[in-house]
Amino acid sequence: MEVAAAAAAVAVPRHKVKKQINLFYCAECEELALKVAAASDAIQLQSINWRNFPDGFPNLFINNAHDIRGQHVAFLASFSSPAIIFEQISVIFALPKLFIASFTLVLPFFPTGTFERVEEEGDVATAFTLARILSMIPKSRGGPTSVVIYDIHALQERFYFGDDVLPCFETGIPLLLQRLSQLPDADNVTIAFPDDGAWKRFHKSLANFPVVVCAKVREGDKRIVRIKEGNPEGRHVVIVDDLVQSGGTLRECQVTICHSVAIADG
């Protein structure tokens, strides 16, 4: 699903190919970039030399910089670790200045999405900080940069971006729906949300399915996941969360659902 979503962000359908997209990518996304390019005739892969000086700071070189003048350019980024963000920001700021026709940044995961609001004085909303950095991307010949982000934690984060970029929030839910529709017993699927936040984020997109909503409740000194709403008995359950990091919440939700079914059968 990730390949299809990324390809859609940087290309147009095969039967409507009107422009060639020069796709650059970070080292971490090389495998994904190759798959994206193979999925669309409109995408031409380009490369960057990701090197470091002896002191550890980036020593970067954009290949074919002269050849991409007047052409449409996209960059497939991965901000999975703070250690690799600076080198990518350097390239992202450099590409629009190469006299290109347009620039699109594809960021499949917005890493600071879990900290998008201040709950007490002293909290630092790092989602706002990252959005401000990306809002400073220079304009290309075609105007502001399009910043494509998939399944951001909260839709209101679009207002963290300045007017000099065009944030475009996409979702992989249509691909999930397509996959579910192909199941031999698609009518027997229930969607489970690990908490109210996930339900608020995606329930409208999955309105045609029965749902199970879980919640964490306090029992003594522990917070235990319990089913708040819905019945998973006899159903195929697909867990949908609004953000996955370690996967611990998904595991707790799975254990809770399986336990509730075992009790019902017992």
C-alpha atoms as a PDB file:
ATOM      1  CA  MET A   1       0.000   0.000   0.000  1.00  0.00           C
ATOM      2  CA  GLU A   2       2.887   2.373   0.767  1.00  0.00           C
ATOM      3  CA  VAL A   3       4.204   2.081  -2.807  1.00  0.00           C
ATOM      4  CA  ALA A   4       0.853   2.881  -4.405  1.00  0.00           C
ATOM      5  CA  ALA A   5       0.300   5.858  -2.108  1.00  0.00           C
ATOM      6  CA  ALA A   6       3.735   7.332  -2.761  1.00  0.00           C
ATOM      7  CA  ALA A   7       3.398   6.857  -6.514  1.00  0.00           C
ATOM      8  CA  ALA A   8       0.061   8.665  -6.481  1.00  0.00           C
ATOM      9  CA  ALA A   9       1.634  11.610  -4.685  1.00  0.00           C
ATOM     10  CA  VAL A  10       4.259  12.297  -7.340  1.00  0.00           C
ATOM     11  CA  ALA A  11       2.602  11.169 -10.563  1.00  0.00           C
ATOM     12  CA  VAL A  12      -0.544  11.289 -12.639  1.00  0.00           C
ATOM     13  CA  PRO A  13      -2.427   8.267 -14.047  1.00  0.00           C
ATOM     14  CA  ARG A  14      -0.722   6.417 -16.901  1.00  0.00           C
ATOM     15  CA  HIS A  15      -3.402   7.355 -19.436  1.00  0.00           C
ATOM     16  CA  LYS A  16      -3.060  11.054 -18.532  1.00  0.00           C
ATOM     17  CA  VAL A  17       0.714  11.412 -18.420  1.00  0.00           C
ATOM     18  CA  LYS A  18       1.439  15.058 -19.211  1.00  0.00           C
ATOM     19  CA  LYS A  19       4.709  15.701 -17.426  1.00  0.00           C
ATOM     20  CA  GLN A  20       7.802  13.891 -16.296  1.00  0.00           C
ATOM     21  CA  ILE A  21       8.598  13.876 -12.592  1.00  0.00           C
ATOM     22  CA  ASN A  22      12.240  13.758 -11.508  1.00  0.00           C
ATOM     23  CA  LEU A  23      12.186  11.899  -8.222  1.00  0.00           C
ATOM     24  CA  PHE A  24      15.032  12.334  -5.765  1.00  0.00           C
ATOM     25  CA  TYR A  25      15.069  10.364  -2.524  1.00  0.00           C
ATOM     26  CA  CYS A  26      16.912   9.983   0.745  1.00  0.00           C
ATOM     27  CA  ALA A  27      19.156   6.962   1.309  1.00  0.00           C
ATOM     28  CA  GLU A  28      16.604   5.350   3.615  1.00  0.00           C
ATOM     29  CA  CYS A  29      13.907   5.475   0.916  1.00  0.00           C
ATOM     30  CA  GLU A  30      15.906   3.992  -1.950  1.00  0.00           C
ATOM     31  CA  GLU A  31      13.961   0.711  -2.053  1.00  0.00           C
ATOM     32  CA  LEU A  32      10.622   2.521  -1.924  1.00  0.00           C
ATOM     33  CA  ALA A  33      11.725   4.978  -4.616  1.00  0.00           C
ATOM     34  CA  LEU A  34      12.658   2.122  -6.948  1.00  0.00           C
ATOM     35  CA  LYS A  35       9.228   0.564  -6.477  1.00  0.00           C
ATOM     36  CA  VAL A  36       7.474   3.888  -7.015  1.00  0.00           C
ATOM     37  CA  ALA A  37       9.381   4.503 -10.253  1.00  0.00           C
ATOM     38  CA  ALA A  38       8.525   1.010 -11.482  1.00  0.00           C
ATOM     39  CA  ALA A  39       4.833   1.748 -10.867  1.00  0.00           C
ATOM     40  CA  SER A  40       4.606   4.828 -13.078  1.00  0.00           C
ATOM     41  CA  ASP A  41       5.953   5.803 -16.495  1.00  0.00           C
ATOM     42  CA  ALA A  42       5.851   9.449 -15.409  1.00  0.00           C
ATOM     43  CA  ILE A  43       8.655   9.106 -12.864  1.00  0.00           C
ATOM     44  CA  GLN A  44      12.363   9.371 -13.626  1.00  0.00           C
ATOM     45  CA  LEU A  45      14.659   8.505 -10.733  1.00  0.00           C
ATOM     46  CA  GLN A  46      17.461  10.917  -9.889  1.00  0.00           C
ATOM     47  CA  SER A  47      20.207  10.523  -7.295  1.00  0.00           C
ATOM     48  CA  ILE A  48      22.085  12.369  -4.580  1.00  0.00           C
ATOM     49  CA  ASN A  49      25.504  11.570  -3.166  1.00  0.00           C
ATOM     50  CA  TRP A  50      24.941  11.261   0.576  1.00  0.00           C
ATOM     51  CA  ARG A  51      28.386  11.659   2.096  1.00  0.00           C
ATOM     52  CA  ASN A  52      29.885  13.076   5.285  1.00  0.00           C
ATOM     53  CA  PHE A  53      32.964  15.076   6.098  1.00  0.00           C
ATOM     54  CA  PRO A  54      35.368  13.636   8.709  1.00  0.00           C
ATOM     55  CA  ASP A  55      33.627  15.712  11.397  1.00  0.00           C
ATOM     56  CA  GLY A  56      30.318  14.003  10.593  1.00  0.00           C
ATOM     57  CA  PHE A  57      28.556  16.925   8.912  1.00  0.00           C
ATOM     58  CA  PRO A  58      26.913  16.286   5.520  1.00  0.00           C
ATOM     59  CA  ASN A  59      28.888  16.483   2.290  1.00  0.00           C
ATOM     60  CA  LEU A  60      26.099  16.397  -0.296  1.00  0.00           C
ATOM     61  CA  PHE A  61      25.943  16.543  -4.077  1.00  0.00           C
ATOM     62  CA  ILE A  62      22.827  16.645  -6.276  1.00  0.00           C
ATOM     63  CA  ASN A  63      23.546  14.741  -9.476  1.00  0.00           C
ATOM     64  CA  ASN A  64      22.309  16.084 -12.831  1.00  0.00           C
ATOM     65  CA  ALA A  65      21.524  19.462 -11.273  1.00  0.00           C
ATOM     66  CA  HIS A  66      21.823  21.245 -14.624  1.00  0.00           C
ATOM     67  CA  ASP A  67      19.650  18.696 -16.465  1.00  0.00           C
ATOM     68  CA  ILE A  68      16.610  19.207 -14.214  1.00  0.00           C
ATOM     69  CA  ARG A  69      16.284  22.913 -14.979  1.00  0.00           C
ATOM     70  CA  GLY A  70      12.751  23.728 -16.073  1.00  0.00           C
ATOM     71  CA  GLN A  71      11.495  20.295 -15.019  1.00  0.00           C
ATOM     72  CA  HIS A  72       9.175  19.060 -12.274  1.00  0.00           C
ATOM     73  CA  VAL A  73      10.961  17.663  -9.231  1.00  0.00           C
ATOM     74  CA  ALA A  74       9.869  15.670  -6.185  1.00  0.00           C
ATOM     75  CA  PHE A  75      11.790  14.492  -3.141  1.00  0.00           C
ATOM     76  CA  LEU A  76      10.866  11.372  -1.157  1.00  0.00           C
ATOM     77  CA  ALA A  77      11.896  12.020   2.441  1.00  0.00           C
ATOM     78  CA  SER A  78      12.095  10.042   5.654  1.00  0.00           C
ATOM     79  CA  PHE A  79      12.355  11.862   8.971  1.00  0.00           C
ATOM     80  CA  SER A  80      12.495   8.634  10.969  1.00  0.00           C
ATOM     81  CA  SER A  81      15.389   9.867  13.107  1.00  0.00           C
ATOM     82  CA  PRO A  82      16.576  13.343  14.141  1.00  0.00           C
ATOM     83  CA  ALA A  83      20.062  12.309  12.996  1.00  0.00           C
ATOM     84  CA  ILE A  84      19.062  12.266   9.312  1.00  0.00           C
ATOM     85  CA  ILE A  85      16.719  15.254   9.181  1.00  0.00           C
ATOM     86  CA  PHE A  86      19.366  17.970   8.762  1.00  0.00           C
ATOM     87  CA  GLU A  87      20.972  16.449   5.671  1.00  0.00           C
ATOM     88  CA  GLN A  88      17.591  16.046   4.014  1.00  0.00           C
ATOM     89  CA  ILE A  89      16.490  19.579   4.918  1.00  0.00           C
ATOM     90  CA  SER A  90      19.683  20.818   3.247  1.00  0.00           C
ATOM     91  CA  VAL A  91      18.751  19.039  -0.001  1.00  0.00           C
ATOM     92  CA  ILE A  92      15.080  20.043   0.255  1.00  0.00           C
ATOM     93  CA  PHE A  93      16.089  23.709   0.518  1.00  0.00           C
ATOM     94  CA  ALA A  94      18.554  23.399  -2.369  1.00  0.00           C
ATOM     95  CA  LEU A  95      16.382  21.674  -4.993  1.00  0.00           C
ATOM     96  CA  PRO A  96      13.845  24.495  -5.600  1.00  0.00           C
ATOM     97  CA  LYS A  97      16.711  26.899  -6.296  1.00  0.00           C
ATOM     98  CA  LEU A  98      17.923  24.854  -9.281  1.00  0.00           C
ATOM     99  CA  PHE A  99      15.525  26.704 -11.599  1.00  0.00           C
ATOM    100  CA  ILE A 100      13.030  23.833 -11.611  1.00  0.00           C
ATOM    101  CA  ALA A 101       9.411  24.119 -12.785  1.00  0.00           C
ATOM    102  CA  SER A 102       7.852  22.859  -9.553  1.00  0.00           C
ATOM    103  CA  PHE A 103       8.825  21.087  -6.339  1.00  0.00           C
ATOM    104  CA  THR A 104       6.915  18.490  -4.314  1.00  0.00           C
ATOM    105  CA  LEU A 105       8.064  17.108  -0.984  1.00  0.00           C
ATOM    106  CA  VAL A 106       6.610  13.692  -0.139  1.00  0.00           C
ATOM    107  CA  LEU A 107       6.855  12.902   3.561  1.00  0.00           C
ATOM    108  CA  PRO A 108       5.072   9.596   4.281  1.00  0.00           C
ATOM    109  CA  PHE A 109       5.420  10.031   8.057  1.00  0.00           C
ATOM    110  CA  PHE A 110       5.309  13.297  10.023  1.00  0.00           C
ATOM    111  CA  PRO A 111       7.373  12.213  13.043  1.00  0.00           C
ATOM    112  CA  THR A 112       6.496  14.941  15.536  1.00  0.00           C
ATOM    113  CA  GLY A 113       2.768  14.376  15.175  1.00  0.00           C
ATOM    114  CA  THR A 114       2.399  13.067  18.727  1.00  0.00           C
ATOM    115  CA  PHE A 115       3.400  16.419  20.182  1.00  0.00           C
ATOM    116  CA  GLU A 116       1.158  18.883  18.385  1.00  0.00           C
ATOM    117  CA  ARG A 117      -0.274  20.784  21.339  1.00  0.00           C
ATOM    118  CA  VAL A 118       0.772  22.371  24.626  1.00  0.00           C
ATOM    119  CA  GLU A 119      -0.969  20.931  27.673  1.00  0.00           C
ATOM    120  CA  GLU A 120       0.964  22.870  30.296  1.00  0.00           C
ATOM    121  CA  GLU A 121       3.358  25.795  30.367  1.00  0.00           C
ATOM    122  CA  GLY A 122       6.788  24.596  29.346  1.00  0.00           C
ATOM    123  CA  ASP A 123       5.674  21.989  26.799  1.00  0.00           C
ATOM    124  CA  VAL A 124       7.323  22.393  23.402  1.00  0.00           C
ATOM    125  CA  ALA A 125       5.012  21.522  20.481  1.00  0.00           C
ATOM    126  CA  THR A 126       7.673  20.055  18.184  1.00  0.00           C
ATOM    127  CA  ALA A 127       5.087  19.424  15.458  1.00  0.00           C
ATOM    128  CA  PHE A 128       4.754  23.194  15.135  1.00  0.00           C
ATOM    129  CA  THR A 129       8.547  23.577  15.040  1.00  0.00           C
ATOM    130  CA  LEU A 130       8.956  21.072  12.192  1.00  0.00           C
ATOM    131  CA  ALA A 131       6.048  22.619  10.288  1.00  0.00           C
ATOM    132  CA  ARG A 132       7.701  26.041  10.564  1.00  0.00           C
ATOM    133  CA  ILE A 133      10.986  24.655   9.221  1.00  0.00           C
ATOM    134  CA  LEU A 134       9.234  23.092   6.224  1.00  0.00           C
ATOM    135  CA  SER A 135       7.321  26.310   5.661  1.00  0.00           C
ATOM    136  CA  MET A 136      10.633  28.007   4.883  1.00  0.00           C
ATOM    137  CA  ILE A 137      11.303  25.861   1.790  1.00  0.00           C
ATOM    138  CA  PRO A 138      12.158  28.263  -1.065  1.00  0.00           C
ATOM    139  CA  LYS A 139       9.727  28.713  -3.915  1.00  0.00           C
ATOM    140  CA  SER A 140      10.471  27.174  -7.297  1.00  0.00           C
ATOM    141  CA  ARG A 141       9.661  28.748 -10.673  1.00  0.00           C
ATOM    142  CA  GLY A 142       6.157  27.311 -10.378  1.00  0.00           C
ATOM    143  CA  GLY A 143       5.464  28.787  -6.953  1.00  0.00           C
ATOM    144  CA  PRO A 144       5.205  27.333  -3.448  1.00  0.00           C
ATOM    145  CA  THR A 145       6.311  23.813  -2.609  1.00  0.00           C
ATOM    146  CA  SER A 146       3.644  21.133  -2.232  1.00  0.00           C
ATOM    147  CA  VAL A 147       4.214  19.209   1.013  1.00  0.00           C
ATOM    148  CA  VAL A 148       2.459  15.842   0.809  1.00  0.00           C
ATOM    149  CA  ILE A 149       2.056  14.042   4.141  1.00  0.00           C
ATOM    150  CA  TYR A 150       0.262  10.750   4.707  1.00  0.00           C
ATOM    151  CA  ASP A 151      -2.124  10.178   7.613  1.00  0.00           C
ATOM    152  CA  ILE A 152      -0.905  12.993   9.809  1.00  0.00           C
ATOM    153  CA  HIS A 153      -1.831  12.561  13.462  1.00  0.00           C
ATOM    154  CA  ALA A 154      -4.246  15.505  13.583  1.00  0.00           C
ATOM    155  CA  LEU A 155      -5.765  17.354  10.633  1.00  0.00           C
ATOM    156  CA  GLN A 156      -5.544  20.692  12.453  1.00  0.00           C
ATOM    157  CA  GLU A 157      -1.780  20.531  12.034  1.00  0.00           C
ATOM    158  CA  ARG A 158      -2.278  21.995   8.558  1.00  0.00           C
ATOM    159  CA  PHE A 159      -2.606  25.362  10.298  1.00  0.00           C
ATOM    160  CA  TYR A 160       0.940  25.024  11.671  1.00  0.00           C
ATOM    161  CA  PHE A 161       2.305  25.500   8.149  1.00  0.00           C
ATOM    162  CA  GLY A 162       2.921  28.969   6.757  1.00  0.00           C
ATOM    163  CA  ASP A 163       1.535  30.439   3.550  1.00  0.00           C
ATOM    164  CA  ASP A 164       4.755  29.818   1.592  1.00  0.00           C
ATOM    165  CA  VAL A 165       4.077  26.079   1.213  1.00  0.00           C
ATOM    166  CA  LEU A 166       1.000  24.088   0.251  1.00  0.00           C
ATOM    167  CA  PRO A 167       0.388  21.245   2.733  1.00  0.00           C
ATOM    168  CA  CYS A 168      -1.528  18.348   1.202  1.00  0.00           C
ATOM    169  CA  PHE A 169      -2.729  15.685   3.633  1.00  0.00           C
ATOM    170  CA  GLU A 170      -3.290  12.320   2.005  1.00  0.00           C
ATOM    171  CA  THR A 171      -4.399   9.012   3.498  1.00  0.00           C
ATOM    172  CA  GLY A 172      -3.828   5.337   2.869  1.00  0.00           C
ATOM    173  CA  ILE A 173      -7.398   4.471   3.886  1.00  0.00           C
ATOM    174  CA  PRO A 174      -8.639   4.057   0.256  1.00  0.00           C
ATOM    175  CA  LEU A 175      -5.929   1.438  -0.260  1.00  0.00           C
ATOM    176  CA  LEU A 176      -7.025  -0.324   2.932  1.00  0.00           C
ATOM    177  CA  LEU A 177     -10.634  -0.300   1.731  1.00  0.00           C
ATOM    178  CA  GLN A 178      -9.548  -1.736  -1.601  1.00  0.00           C
ATOM    179  CA  ARG A 179      -7.637  -4.521   0.118  1.00  0.00           C
ATOM    180  CA  LEU A 180     -10.546  -5.335   2.437  1.00  0.00           C
ATOM    181  CA  SER A 181     -12.990  -5.458  -0.477  1.00  0.00           C
ATOM    182  CA  GLN A 182     -10.882  -8.199  -2.045  1.00  0.00           C
ATOM    183  CA  LEU A 183     -11.274 -10.535   0.923  1.00  0.00           C
ATOM    184  CA  PRO A 184     -13.501 -13.566   0.275  1.00  0.00           C
ATOM    185  CA  ASP A 185     -15.586 -12.740   3.362  1.00  0.00           C
ATOM    186  CA  ALA A 186     -15.357  -8.956   3.285  1.00  0.00           C
ATOM    187  CA  ASP A 187     -18.830  -8.678   4.812  1.00  0.00           C
ATOM    188  CA  ASN A 188     -17.525 -10.191   8.031  1.00  0.00           C
ATOM    189  CA  VAL A 189     -14.934  -7.505   8.821  1.00  0.00           C
ATOM    190  CA  THR A 190     -15.022  -5.267  11.894  1.00  0.00           C
ATOM    191  CA  ILE A 191     -12.751  -2.273  12.379  1.00  0.00           C
ATOM    192  CA  ALA A 192     -11.198  -1.864  15.829  1.00  0.00           C
ATOM    193  CA  PHE A 193      -9.854   1.438  17.117  1.00  0.00           C
ATOM    194  CA  PRO A 194      -7.398   1.258  20.052  1.00  0.00           C
ATOM    195  CA  ASP A 195      -8.654   4.542  21.523  1.00  0.00           C
ATOM    196  CA  ASP A 196     -11.018   7.465  21.000  1.00  0.00           C
ATOM    197  CA  GLY A 197      -8.333   9.424  19.153  1.00  0.00           C
ATOM    198  CA  ALA A 198      -8.075   6.804  16.414  1.00  0.00           C
ATOM    199  CA  TRP A 199     -11.871   6.632  16.188  1.00  0.00           C
ATOM    200  CA  LYS A 200     -12.179  10.406  15.794  1.00  0.00           C
ATOM    201  CA  ARG A 201      -9.472  10.440  13.123  1.00  0.00           C
ATOM    202  CA  PHE A 202     -10.773   7.659  10.865  1.00  0.00           C
ATOM    203  CA  HIS A 203     -14.315   6.552  11.733  1.00  0.00           C
ATOM    204  CA  LYS A 204     -15.914   8.672   8.985  1.00  0.00           C
ATOM    205  CA  SER A 205     -13.705   7.015   6.361  1.00  0.00           C
ATOM    206  CA  LEU A 206     -14.702   3.562   7.630  1.00  0.00           C
ATOM    207  CA  ALA A 207     -18.360   4.263   8.315  1.00  0.00           C
ATOM    208  CA  ASN A 208     -19.575   1.191   6.412  1.00  0.00           C
ATOM    209  CA  PHE A 209     -17.988  -1.253   8.864  1.00  0.00           C
ATOM    210  CA  PRO A 210     -19.066  -2.323  12.344  1.00  0.00           C
ATOM    211  CA  VAL A 211     -16.594  -0.939  14.859  1.00  0.00           C
ATOM    212  CA  VAL A 212     -14.993  -1.844  18.148  1.00  0.00           C
ATOM    213  CA  VAL A 213     -13.600   1.019  20.214  1.00  0.00           C
ATOM    214  CA  CYS A 214     -11.125   0.338  22.989  1.00  0.00           C
ATOM    215  CA  ALA A 215      -9.999   2.612  25.798  1.00  0.00           C
ATOM    216  CA  LYS A 216      -7.409   2.577  28.563  1.00  0.00           C
ATOM    217  CA  VAL A 217      -8.903   2.439  32.054  1.00  0.00           C
ATOM    218  CA  ARG A 218      -7.081   2.660  35.369  1.00  0.00           C
ATOM    219  CA  GLU A 219      -7.036  -0.415  37.598  1.00  0.00           C
ATOM    220  CA  GLY A 220      -4.944   0.348  40.640  1.00  0.00           C
ATOM    221  CA  ASP A 221      -1.552   1.545  39.448  1.00  0.00           C
ATOM    222  CA  LYS A 222      -1.990   0.127  35.949  1.00  0.00           C
ATOM    223  CA  ARG A 223      -3.756   1.355  32.836  1.00  0.00           C
ATOM    224  CA  ILE A 224      -5.529  -1.555  31.168  1.00  0.00           C
ATOM    225  CA  VAL A 225      -7.019  -1.633  27.656  1.00  0.00           C
ATOM    226  CA  ARG A 226     -10.693  -2.532  27.692  1.00  0.00           C
ATOM    227  CA  ILE A 227     -13.399  -2.686  25.012  1.00  0.00           C
ATOM    228  CA  LYS A 228     -15.524   0.430  25.330  1.00  0.00           C
ATOM    229  CA  GLU A 229     -17.924  -0.187  22.466  1.00  0.00           C
ATOM    230  CA  GLY A 230     -18.759  -2.951  19.978  1.00  0.00           C
ATOM    231  CA  ASN A 231     -18.623  -6.738  19.805  1.00  0.00           C
ATOM    232  CA  PRO A 232     -15.851  -8.558  17.886  1.00  0.00           C
ATOM    233  CA  GLU A 233     -17.220 -12.068  18.418  1.00  0.00           C
ATOM    234  CA  GLY A 234     -17.282 -14.115  15.214  1.00  0.00           C
ATOM    235  CA  ARG A 235     -15.742 -11.327  13.144  1.00  0.00           C
ATOM    236  CA  HIS A 236     -12.471 -10.694  11.336  1.00  0.00           C
ATOM    237  CA  VAL A 237     -11.017  -7.698  13.152  1.00  0.00           C
ATOM    238  CA  VAL A 238      -8.756  -5.106  11.507  1.00  0.00           C
ATOM    239  CA  ILE A 239      -7.108  -2.676  13.938  1.00  0.00           C
ATOM    240  CA  VAL A 240      -6.722   0.907  12.693  1.00  0.00           C
ATOM    241  CA  ASP A 241      -4.724   3.434  14.712  1.00  0.00           C
ATOM    242  CA  ASP A 242      -3.888   7.062  13.986  1.00  0.00           C
ATOM    243  CA  LEU A 243      -0.207   6.645  14.858  1.00  0.00           C
ATOM    244  CA  VAL A 244       2.037   3.603  15.265  1.00  0.00           C
ATOM    245  CA  GLN A 245       5.513   3.752  16.766  1.00  0.00           C
ATOM    246  CA  SER A 246       6.499   0.667  18.772  1.00  0.00           C
ATOM    247  CA  GLY A 247       3.253  -1.200  18.040  1.00  0.00           C
ATOM    248  CA  GLY A 248       2.603  -1.728  21.749  1.00  0.00           C
ATOM    249  CA  THR A 249      -0.879  -0.193  21.610  1.00  0.00           C
ATOM    250  CA  LEU A 250      -1.860  -2.434  18.693  1.00  0.00           C
ATOM    251  CA  ARG A 251      -0.669  -5.468  20.622  1.00  0.00           C
ATOM    252  CA  GLU A 252      -2.620  -4.488  23.715  1.00  0.00           C
ATOM    253  CA  CYS A 253      -5.733  -3.963  21.600  1.00  0.00           C
ATOM    254  CA  GLN A 254      -5.304  -7.364  19.954  1.00  0.00           C
ATOM    255  CA  VAL A 255      -4.872  -9.125  23.301  1.00  0.00           C
ATOM    256  CA  THR A 256      -7.943  -7.388  24.712  1.00  0.00           C
ATOM    257  CA  ILE A 257     -10.119  -8.335  21.735  1.00  0.00           C
ATOM    258  CA  CYS A 258      -8.952 -11.961  21.728  1.00  0.00           C
ATOM    259  CA  HIS A 259      -9.498 -12.181  25.483  1.00  0.00           C
ATOM    260  CA  SER A 260     -13.042 -10.817  25.238  1.00  0.00           C
ATOM    261  CA  VAL A 261     -13.901 -13.362  22.504  1.00  0.00           C
ATOM    262  CA  ALA A 262     -12.431 -16.193  24.575  1.00  0.00           C
ATOM    263  CA  ILE A 263     -14.566 -15.195  27.547  1.00  0.00           C
ATOM    264  CA  ALA A 264     -17.679 -15.021  25.366  1.00  0.00           C
ATOM    265  CA  ASP A 265     -16.956 -18.484  23.944  1.00  0.00           C
ATOM    266  CA  GLY A 266     -16.079 -19.921  27.312  1.00  0.00           C
END
